[in-house]
Every structure is written in C-alpha cells, then in structure tokens.
Amino acid sequence: MKKYSQAETFFTEEEKTRIVNTTREVESRSIGEVAVMVVESSDPYIDAEVIGGVFLGSFMALVLTEFLFHASLWFYIPLSFLFFFPSKYLSHKVPAIKASFIGVKRKELRVMQRAIRAFYEKGLYKTKKDTGVLFFLSLFERKVWVLADTGINEKIDQETLNRFANIVSQGIKDGKACEALCVAIKEAGELLEKHFPITPGDIDELPNEIMTE
C-alpha cells in the first residue's frame, strides 16, 4: 500500500480541486502563471534532533540519578548516553519537540531558501514573459513564502507578496488553509490582471496541480 506524505494529504481532494480551479480562473485573465507547492519540511534540521537528544537525555538522566542514585556522577554520565538515542528518536518523531530547538529566524530563512530552490527545480523561471508566481507552503515550520519571477517583481514588490503569504499562514493557523490560499491567489490574480492582462495566443505554461514533496 502506498504511503502518502503529510504534504500530499494536507488538502482534501475537494480542496485540491477548488485550488486548481481558482488558479485556472486567475490565469484565464492574465499572462501570469501561478503554481502551488506543499512540502513537509524545508530542512531536516538534524542538528535540532541531536540537541533535543542531548537535552532530553541529560534531563531524564539527571532526574533518575537524583531520585535513585543520590545524584551520583558515576550513574549520571552513562545514563545520559543511554537516554540520548531514544530522546533523539523522540525529537525526530514529535515535530513540536524538534521545533522548540530551532530559532524563528532560521526557520524563516530555510523556508525562503527552499522556495527559491523549488522555483528553479520546477521550472517556474521558464515562462516566456517571466511571470511565474509560486505559493510555497512548508508544513513543519508552518510558514508560507510567495516568490515571483523578474517580470512580476518589476510591478509587484516583495512586501505585497509577503502580504499574500501572511493571509495563507493565518489561514493555516485557523484551520482554513484552502479558503485562505484561494483568497490569496484571487487577490494576486487581480494584480496580475492589472499589470499583466491576457494577450491573444497566451497558453498555460505551468501545471495547475498542487506540487508536493
């Protein structure tokens, strides 16, 4: 049986259809190309798992030696090593634990970097008029980044794109990710229609289905 990732199941099939239809409707009124990508995490954050293993393992060893071995250092050190591996595994399996060992700025940077990489990996830079727009959702960090190609950036600044990202981020927090994403895509579409109206012979250059990884 195929195992689906959290990114693949984040939106229901009905929600995916709604998002695809919204994207198509926006693209029917401008030469802009809108794409949506959802990933489980923008970085494995292995070091955070190690730190979590050290911290939790040491804490459990400290508690155990305090109550059972009179705070003996001879027991504390080997128990710290013993508890490290299950604690590291726990940090790996429980996102909330791992996230507590990662700074906010670092998560923002990793999501931005991963969005830029996805923009090029998925070929969004290949549109004829440089009008690709990527809505990038990273679930572990609970962050969204909206990235646009050079043609879009000449008319729409990153601050405006960040506003669209904030709409989606708030929607995810409120449990209304699909609705918020569709609202953000429509608002972006209004600007695309204003600055990049549809032209005769325009074709759909990018897939409309939600990309996952």
Foldseek 3Di string as FASTA:
>chain_A
DDDDDCQVPVDPPVLLVVQLVLQVVLCVWFLAAEAEEEEQALDQLLVLLQVQLQVVQLVVLQVCCVPPVVRDPVSSVVSSVVSSVVRSVVLNVDLVSSVVSDDLVVRVVSQVVSQVVCCVVQPQCVRPQQRYWYWYAHNSSLFTAIDGGPNVCVPDPRVLRVVLRVQQSVCVVVVNNSVSNSVSSVVVSVSRSVVGTDDPPRDRPHDSGYHYD
